[in-house]
Amino acid sequence: MPKQALPGEIWLVDLGMSANVRPCLVLSDSPADDELTLQGIGPHTTALHGNRWEFPVSIPFLKQRGVLHLQQIRSIPIAKLE
């Protein structure tokens, strides 16, 4: 059975070699049976630059202040959700 990530939840996502595994905000519903098995996410980062694309968020299990970087919103395969 595929993972059921709901919009608004925080999931750990493997974003590849340079980004590693990081918390991401789930932005889209789980796909229907006739859709690609992709889900929209917004990655969290603690590398703050103070630009307009950073949206401050508080994630309870993280000790460092961070943001969702809105220029990095993407669709990822559901298999990458941890």
C-alpha atoms as a PDB file:
ATOM      1  CA  MET A   1       0.000   0.000   0.000  1.00  0.00           C
ATOM      2  CA  PRO A   2       1.413   3.465  -0.903  1.00  0.00           C
ATOM      3  CA  LYS A   3       2.266   5.967   1.812  1.00  0.00           C
ATOM      4  CA  GLN A   4      -0.535   8.357   2.707  1.00  0.00           C
ATOM      5  CA  ALA A   5       1.005  11.793   3.263  1.00  0.00           C
ATOM      6  CA  LEU A   6      -1.568  14.524   3.835  1.00  0.00           C
ATOM      7  CA  PRO A   7      -1.234  18.203   2.934  1.00  0.00           C
ATOM      8  CA  GLY A   8       0.169  20.153   5.886  1.00  0.00           C
ATOM      9  CA  GLU A   9       2.152  17.225   7.287  1.00  0.00           C
ATOM     10  CA  ILE A  10       5.933  17.287   7.653  1.00  0.00           C
ATOM     11  CA  TRP A  11       7.734  14.268   6.198  1.00  0.00           C
ATOM     12  CA  LEU A  12      11.407  13.502   5.801  1.00  0.00           C
ATOM     13  CA  VAL A  13      12.315  13.355   2.118  1.00  0.00           C
ATOM     14  CA  ASP A  14      15.447  12.168   0.345  1.00  0.00           C
ATOM     15  CA  LEU A  15      16.133  15.089  -1.993  1.00  0.00           C
ATOM     16  CA  GLY A  16      19.260  13.597  -3.528  1.00  0.00           C
ATOM     17  CA  MET A  17      22.982  13.711  -2.961  1.00  0.00           C
ATOM     18  CA  SER A  18      23.489  17.461  -2.455  1.00  0.00           C
ATOM     19  CA  ALA A  19      20.363  18.119  -0.366  1.00  0.00           C
ATOM     20  CA  ASN A  20      20.354  14.878   1.663  1.00  0.00           C
ATOM     21  CA  VAL A  21      17.296  13.928   3.722  1.00  0.00           C
ATOM     22  CA  ARG A  22      15.427  16.918   5.055  1.00  0.00           C
ATOM     23  CA  PRO A  23      11.997  17.807   6.443  1.00  0.00           C
ATOM     24  CA  CYS A  24       9.481  18.898   3.822  1.00  0.00           C
ATOM     25  CA  LEU A  25       5.972  20.262   4.023  1.00  0.00           C
ATOM     26  CA  VAL A  26       3.519  18.168   1.993  1.00  0.00           C
ATOM     27  CA  LEU A  27       1.578  20.517  -0.296  1.00  0.00           C
ATOM     28  CA  SER A  28      -0.615  18.208  -2.386  1.00  0.00           C
ATOM     29  CA  ASP A  29      -3.035  15.351  -1.853  1.00  0.00           C
ATOM     30  CA  SER A  30      -2.009  11.778  -2.528  1.00  0.00           C
ATOM     31  CA  PRO A  31      -2.409  10.978  -6.224  1.00  0.00           C
ATOM     32  CA  ALA A  32      -5.406   9.048  -7.520  1.00  0.00           C
ATOM     33  CA  ASP A  33      -4.947   5.610  -9.089  1.00  0.00           C
ATOM     34  CA  ASP A  34      -4.854   7.063 -12.615  1.00  0.00           C
ATOM     35  CA  GLU A  35      -2.260   9.768 -11.783  1.00  0.00           C
ATOM     36  CA  LEU A  36       1.531   9.768 -11.529  1.00  0.00           C
ATOM     37  CA  THR A  37       2.774   8.681  -8.086  1.00  0.00           C
ATOM     38  CA  LEU A  38       4.119  12.138  -7.303  1.00  0.00           C
ATOM     39  CA  GLN A  39       3.434  14.462  -4.422  1.00  0.00           C
ATOM     40  CA  GLY A  40       4.133  18.205  -4.150  1.00  0.00           C
ATOM     41  CA  ILE A  41       6.475  19.256  -1.332  1.00  0.00           C
ATOM     42  CA  GLY A  42       8.196  22.360  -0.001  1.00  0.00           C
ATOM     43  CA  PRO A  43      11.682  21.711   1.412  1.00  0.00           C
ATOM     44  CA  HIS A  44      12.785  23.089   4.779  1.00  0.00           C
ATOM     45  CA  THR A  45      16.180  24.717   5.132  1.00  0.00           C
ATOM     46  CA  THR A  46      18.181  26.327   7.923  1.00  0.00           C
ATOM     47  CA  ALA A  47      20.434  28.135   5.419  1.00  0.00           C
ATOM     48  CA  LEU A  48      18.715  31.508   5.679  1.00  0.00           C
ATOM     49  CA  HIS A  49      19.384  34.242   3.120  1.00  0.00           C
ATOM     50  CA  GLY A  50      16.666  36.710   4.109  1.00  0.00           C
ATOM     51  CA  ASN A  51      15.030  36.884   0.700  1.00  0.00           C
ATOM     52  CA  ARG A  52      11.370  37.027  -0.272  1.00  0.00           C
ATOM     53  CA  TRP A  53      11.213  33.305  -1.145  1.00  0.00           C
ATOM     54  CA  GLU A  54      11.749  32.167   2.450  1.00  0.00           C
ATOM     55  CA  PHE A  55       8.626  31.361   4.451  1.00  0.00           C
ATOM     56  CA  PRO A  56       9.341  31.000   8.206  1.00  0.00           C
ATOM     57  CA  VAL A  57       7.992  27.824   9.805  1.00  0.00           C
ATOM     58  CA  SER A  58       8.291  26.151  13.160  1.00  0.00           C
ATOM     59  CA  ILE A  59       8.857  22.408  13.066  1.00  0.00           C
ATOM     60  CA  PRO A  60       8.598  20.977  16.595  1.00  0.00           C
ATOM     61  CA  PHE A  61      11.271  18.261  16.260  1.00  0.00           C
ATOM     62  CA  LEU A  62      13.890  20.673  14.850  1.00  0.00           C
ATOM     63  CA  LYS A  63      15.951  22.785  17.213  1.00  0.00           C
ATOM     64  CA  GLN A  64      17.161  25.288  14.593  1.00  0.00           C
ATOM     65  CA  ARG A  65      15.032  28.048  13.123  1.00  0.00           C
ATOM     66  CA  GLY A  66      14.284  27.463   9.480  1.00  0.00           C
ATOM     67  CA  VAL A  67      12.198  28.321   6.454  1.00  0.00           C
ATOM     68  CA  LEU A  68      10.410  26.705   3.568  1.00  0.00           C
ATOM     69  CA  HIS A  69      12.158  27.858   0.438  1.00  0.00           C
ATOM     70  CA  LEU A  70       9.351  28.612  -2.001  1.00  0.00           C
ATOM     71  CA  GLN A  71      11.624  28.615  -5.063  1.00  0.00           C
ATOM     72  CA  GLN A  72      12.361  24.946  -4.367  1.00  0.00           C
ATOM     73  CA  ILE A  73       8.792  23.629  -4.389  1.00  0.00           C
ATOM     74  CA  ARG A  74       8.782  20.407  -6.407  1.00  0.00           C
ATOM     75  CA  SER A  75       7.040  17.129  -7.092  1.00  0.00           C
ATOM     76  CA  ILE A  76       8.766  14.023  -5.835  1.00  0.00           C
ATOM     77  CA  PRO A  77       8.059  10.301  -6.148  1.00  0.00           C
ATOM     78  CA  ILE A  78       6.056   9.074  -3.154  1.00  0.00           C
ATOM     79  CA  ALA A  79       8.726   6.404  -2.599  1.00  0.00           C
ATOM     80  CA  LYS A  80      11.076   9.172  -1.349  1.00  0.00           C
ATOM     81  CA  LEU A  81       8.809  10.009   1.616  1.00  0.00           C
ATOM     82  CA  GLU A  82      10.196   8.615   4.872  1.00  0.00           C
END
